[in-house]
C-alpha atoms as a PDB file:
ATOM      1  CA  GLU A   1      -9.699  38.742  -6.883  1.00  0.00           C
ATOM      2  CA  ASP A   2     -10.239  35.318  -8.632  1.00  0.00           C
ATOM      3  CA  LYS A   3      -7.607  33.774  -6.352  1.00  0.00           C
ATOM      4  CA  ILE A   4      -9.547  35.166  -3.222  1.00  0.00           C
ATOM      5  CA  LYS A   5     -12.699  33.708  -4.628  1.00  0.00           C
ATOM      6  CA  LYS A   6     -10.921  30.348  -5.202  1.00  0.00           C
ATOM      7  CA  LEU A   7      -9.548  30.461  -1.637  1.00  0.00           C
ATOM      8  CA  GLU A   8     -13.076  31.305  -0.319  1.00  0.00           C
ATOM      9  CA  ALA A   9     -14.537  28.367  -2.063  1.00  0.00           C
ATOM     10  CA  GLU A  10     -11.838  26.194  -0.785  1.00  0.00           C
ATOM     11  CA  LEU A  11     -12.538  27.436   2.443  1.00  0.00           C
ATOM     12  CA  THR A  12     -16.227  26.668   2.212  1.00  0.00           C
ATOM     13  CA  ILE A  13     -15.300  23.084   0.654  1.00  0.00           C
ATOM     14  CA  LEU A  14     -13.029  22.498   3.741  1.00  0.00           C
ATOM     15  CA  THR A  15     -15.610  23.791   6.266  1.00  0.00           C
ATOM     16  CA  SER A  16     -18.279  21.304   4.643  1.00  0.00           C
ATOM     17  CA  GLU A  17     -15.803  18.473   4.566  1.00  0.00           C
ATOM     18  CA  LEU A  18     -14.943  19.342   8.278  1.00  0.00           C
ATOM     19  CA  GLU A  19     -19.018  19.167   8.844  1.00  0.00           C
ATOM     20  CA  ILE A  20     -19.175  15.575   7.199  1.00  0.00           C
ATOM     21  CA  SER A  21     -16.368  14.433   9.407  1.00  0.00           C
ATOM     22  CA  ARG A  22     -18.037  15.665  12.581  1.00  0.00           C
ATOM     23  CA  ARG A  23     -21.389  13.808  11.364  1.00  0.00           C
ATOM     24  CA  ILE A  24     -19.168  10.789  10.805  1.00  0.00           C
ATOM     25  CA  VAL A  25     -17.807  11.016  14.296  1.00  0.00           C
ATOM     26  CA  HIS A  26     -21.235  11.509  15.924  1.00  0.00           C
ATOM     27  CA  THR A  27     -22.593   8.531  14.015  1.00  0.00           C
ATOM     28  CA  LYS A  28     -19.842   6.213  14.792  1.00  0.00           C
ATOM     29  CA  ARG A  29     -19.578   7.531  18.599  1.00  0.00           C
ATOM     30  CA  SER A  30     -22.158   5.230  19.954  1.00  0.00           C
ATOM     31  CA  LEU A  31     -20.312   2.326  18.168  1.00  0.00           C
ATOM     32  CA  ILE A  32     -17.020   3.242  19.585  1.00  0.00           C
ATOM     33  CA  GLN A  33     -18.677   3.722  23.371  1.00  0.00           C
ATOM     34  CA  LYS A  34     -19.475  -0.109  23.322  1.00  0.00           C
ATOM     35  CA  GLU A  35     -17.105  -2.570  24.761  1.00  0.00           C
ATOM     36  CA  MET A  36     -14.437  -3.188  22.199  1.00  0.00           C
ATOM     37  CA  SER A  37     -11.207  -5.208  22.104  1.00  0.00           C
ATOM     38  CA  ASP A  38      -8.125  -3.407  20.946  1.00  0.00           C
ATOM     39  CA  GLU A  39      -8.302  -5.174  17.541  1.00  0.00           C
ATOM     40  CA  THR A  40     -11.955  -3.828  16.931  1.00  0.00           C
ATOM     41  CA  ARG A  41     -11.102  -0.478  17.727  1.00  0.00           C
ATOM     42  CA  GLU A  42      -8.372  -0.428  15.176  1.00  0.00           C
ATOM     43  CA  ARG A  43     -10.528  -1.860  12.603  1.00  0.00           C
ATOM     44  CA  MET A  44     -13.443   0.619  13.361  1.00  0.00           C
ATOM     45  CA  ARG A  45     -10.723   3.348  13.213  1.00  0.00           C
ATOM     46  CA  ASN A  46      -9.282   2.315   9.807  1.00  0.00           C
ATOM     47  CA  GLU A  47     -12.874   1.812   8.226  1.00  0.00           C
ATOM     48  CA  ILE A  48     -13.779   5.437   9.595  1.00  0.00           C
ATOM     49  CA  GLU A  49     -10.547   6.912   8.041  1.00  0.00           C
ATOM     50  CA  LYS A  50     -10.928   4.996   4.765  1.00  0.00           C
ATOM     51  CA  LYS A  51     -14.698   6.171   4.532  1.00  0.00           C
ATOM     52  CA  VAL A  52     -13.528   9.759   5.259  1.00  0.00           C
ATOM     53  CA  ARG A  53     -10.909   9.812   2.871  1.00  0.00           C
ATOM     54  CA  ILE A  54     -12.918   8.256  -0.027  1.00  0.00           C
ATOM     55  CA  GLU A  55     -15.641  11.026   0.569  1.00  0.00           C
ATOM     56  CA  LEU A  56     -13.304  13.841   0.729  1.00  0.00           C
ATOM     57  CA  THR A  57     -11.340  12.372  -2.341  1.00  0.00           C
ATOM     58  CA  GLU A  58     -14.445  12.264  -4.359  1.00  0.00           C
ATOM     59  CA  LYS A  59     -15.818  15.704  -3.292  1.00  0.00           C
ATOM     60  CA  ILE A  60     -12.526  17.303  -4.238  1.00  0.00           C
ATOM     61  CA  THR A  61     -12.230  15.469  -7.378  1.00  0.00           C
ATOM     62  CA  ARG A  62     -15.917  16.341  -8.578  1.00  0.00           C
ATOM     63  CA  GLU A  63     -15.036  20.055  -7.735  1.00  0.00           C
ATOM     64  CA  LEU A  64     -11.779  20.012  -9.531  1.00  0.00           C
ATOM     65  CA  GLU A  65     -13.454  18.514 -12.582  1.00  0.00           C
ATOM     66  CA  VAL A  66     -16.231  20.990 -12.403  1.00  0.00           C
ATOM     67  CA  ILE A  67     -13.613  24.007 -12.369  1.00  0.00           C
ATOM     68  CA  MET A  68     -11.367  22.257 -15.206  1.00  0.00           C
ATOM     69  CA  ARG A  69     -14.512  21.888 -17.423  1.00  0.00           C
ATOM     70  CA  GLU A  70     -15.458  25.423 -16.840  1.00  0.00           C
ATOM     71  CA  GLU A  71     -11.866  26.647 -17.704  1.00  0.00           C
ATOM     72  CA  LYS A  72     -12.163  24.351 -20.687  1.00  0.00           C
ATOM     73  CA  GLY A  73     -15.407  25.653 -21.862  1.00  0.00           C
ATOM     74  CA  LYS A  74     -14.247  29.310 -21.489  1.00  0.00           C
ATOM     75  CA  GLU A  75     -11.224  28.430 -23.686  1.00  0.00           C
ATOM     76  CA  LEU A  76     -13.320  26.649 -26.323  1.00  0.00           C
ATOM     77  CA  GLU A  77     -15.837  29.445 -26.343  1.00  0.00           C
ATOM     78  CA  SER A  78     -13.180  32.084 -26.979  1.00  0.00           C
ATOM     79  CA  LEU A  79     -11.584  29.820 -29.664  1.00  0.00           C
ATOM     80  CA  ARG A  80     -14.540  29.619 -31.385  1.00  0.00           C
ATOM     81  CA  LYS A  81     -14.982  33.212 -31.784  1.00  0.00           C
ATOM     82  CA  ILE A  82     -11.741  33.812 -33.201  1.00  0.00           C
ATOM     83  CA  ASP A  83     -11.676  33.580 -37.022  1.00  0.00           C
ATOM     84  CA  ASP A  84      -8.575  33.108 -39.502  1.00  0.00           C
ATOM     85  CA  ARG A  85      -8.042  36.733 -39.826  1.00  0.00           C
ATOM     86  CA  LYS A  86      -7.894  37.300 -36.157  1.00  0.00           C
ATOM     87  CA  VAL A  87      -5.617  34.381 -35.878  1.00  0.00           C
ATOM     88  CA  ARG A  88      -2.908  36.020 -38.253  1.00  0.00           C
ATOM     89  CA  GLU A  89      -3.222  39.243 -36.519  1.00  0.00           C
ATOM     90  CA  VAL A  90      -2.632  37.662 -33.144  1.00  0.00           C
ATOM     91  CA  GLU A  91       0.054  35.004 -34.078  1.00  0.00           C
ATOM     92  CA  HIS A  92       2.775  37.083 -32.459  1.00  0.00           C
ATOM     93  CA  GLN A  93       0.859  36.820 -28.952  1.00  0.00           C
ATOM     94  CA  ILE A  94       1.109  32.845 -28.993  1.00  0.00           C
ATOM     95  CA  PRO A  95       4.322  32.926 -26.783  1.00  0.00           C
ATOM     96  CA  VAL A  96       2.289  35.342 -24.271  1.00  0.00           C
ATOM     97  CA  LEU A  97      -0.719  32.884 -24.361  1.00  0.00           C
ATOM     98  CA  GLU A  98       1.613  30.003 -23.712  1.00  0.00           C
ATOM     99  CA  ASN A  99       2.885  31.794 -20.678  1.00  0.00           C
ATOM    100  CA  GLU A 100      -0.478  32.284 -19.331  1.00  0.00           C
ATOM    101  CA  ILE A 101      -1.496  28.629 -19.982  1.00  0.00           C
ATOM    102  CA  ASP A 102       1.781  27.743 -18.008  1.00  0.00           C
ATOM    103  CA  LYS A 103       0.787  30.140 -15.195  1.00  0.00           C
ATOM    104  CA  LEU A 104      -2.770  28.667 -15.073  1.00  0.00           C
ATOM    105  CA  ARG A 105      -1.114  25.062 -14.921  1.00  0.00           C
ATOM    106  CA  GLY A 106       0.903  26.295 -11.974  1.00  0.00           C
ATOM    107  CA  LYS A 107      -2.277  27.805 -10.266  1.00  0.00           C
ATOM    108  CA  ILE A 108      -3.888  24.232 -10.821  1.00  0.00           C
ATOM    109  CA  ARG A 109      -0.836  22.476  -9.520  1.00  0.00           C
ATOM    110  CA  HIS A 110      -0.740  24.872  -6.406  1.00  0.00           C
ATOM    111  CA  ALA A 111      -4.642  24.389  -5.873  1.00  0.00           C
ATOM    112  CA  GLU A 112      -3.970  20.660  -6.057  1.00  0.00           C
ATOM    113  CA  GLN A 113      -1.121  20.953  -3.449  1.00  0.00           C
ATOM    114  CA  PHE A 114      -3.465  23.031  -1.262  1.00  0.00           C
ATOM    115  CA  HIS A 115      -6.179  20.327  -1.551  1.00  0.00           C
ATOM    116  CA  LYS A 116      -3.972  17.543  -0.605  1.00  0.00           C
ATOM    117  CA  LYS A 117      -2.512  19.507   2.291  1.00  0.00           C
ATOM    118  CA  ALA A 118      -5.912  20.321   3.344  1.00  0.00           C
ATOM    119  CA  LEU A 119      -7.034  16.683   2.850  1.00  0.00           C
ATOM    120  CA  GLU A 120      -4.055  15.525   5.243  1.00  0.00           C
ATOM    121  CA  ASP A 121      -4.754  18.254   7.750  1.00  0.00           C
ATOM    122  CA  VAL A 122      -8.462  17.317   7.984  1.00  0.00           C
ATOM    123  CA  GLU A 123      -7.299  13.554   8.232  1.00  0.00           C
ATOM    124  CA  ALA A 124      -4.975  14.113  10.820  1.00  0.00           C
ATOM    125  CA  ASN A 125      -7.556  16.442  12.923  1.00  0.00           C
ATOM    126  CA  TYR A 126     -10.020  13.717  12.571  1.00  0.00           C
ATOM    127  CA  ARG A 127      -7.591  10.967  13.613  1.00  0.00           C
ATOM    128  CA  ASN A 128      -6.932  12.942  16.574  1.00  0.00           C
ATOM    129  CA  LYS A 129     -10.447  13.415  17.728  1.00  0.00           C
ATOM    130  CA  VAL A 130     -10.981   9.519  17.101  1.00  0.00           C
ATOM    131  CA  GLU A 131      -8.041   8.661  19.254  1.00  0.00           C
ATOM    132  CA  ILE A 132      -9.233  11.246  21.823  1.00  0.00           C
ATOM    133  CA  MET A 133     -12.730  10.005  22.011  1.00  0.00           C
ATOM    134  CA  ILE A 134     -11.283   6.068  22.350  1.00  0.00           C
ATOM    135  CA  ASN A 135      -9.065   7.180  25.075  1.00  0.00           C
ATOM    136  CA  ASN A 136     -11.825   9.027  26.949  1.00  0.00           C
ATOM    137  CA  PHE A 137     -13.892   6.126  26.556  1.00  0.00           C
ATOM    138  CA  SER A 138     -11.185   3.536  27.752  1.00  0.00           C
ATOM    139  CA  ASP A 139     -10.563   5.877  30.705  1.00  0.00           C
ATOM    140  CA  ASP A 140     -14.358   6.140  31.634  1.00  0.00           C
ATOM    141  CA  ARG A 141     -14.370   2.232  31.407  1.00  0.00           C
ATOM    142  CA  GLU A 142     -11.489   1.870  33.589  1.00  0.00           C
ATOM    143  CA  ARG A 143     -12.815   4.341  36.223  1.00  0.00           C
ATOM    144  CA  GLU A 144     -16.335   2.392  36.115  1.00  0.00           C
ATOM    145  CA  GLU A 145     -14.532  -0.835  36.859  1.00  0.00           C
ATOM    146  CA  LEU A 146     -12.771   0.578  39.689  1.00  0.00           C
END
């Protein structure tokens, strides 16, 4: 259930990131539709990609920080509740807990890889859309000139 909730949260994040990308595309469209040299088009594309990458990275970083703080907060709260007597009683469970920690670290690594892949996919999709828009604009310009 937690994994499903996390995946749903990630899907929501990616959806909002896609919406951000769409807004950026619509905002920049008017600039792209003006007559530009190849050099200007390349510079604009690089600026847009850089801004999108920065925004997505910052958003993902903030969300991961929140998740990490929540996890650490839960761990700290549970540690505060345990007294010395309980520690002695559960000392034999330390290896099991270490295994759980390793599993959580693995899940975090997996989540980071998923976010990285999702970011790459969004960026690739965005680059393709920008390229299509530029090509369509160039084609329209050529038709107008004929």
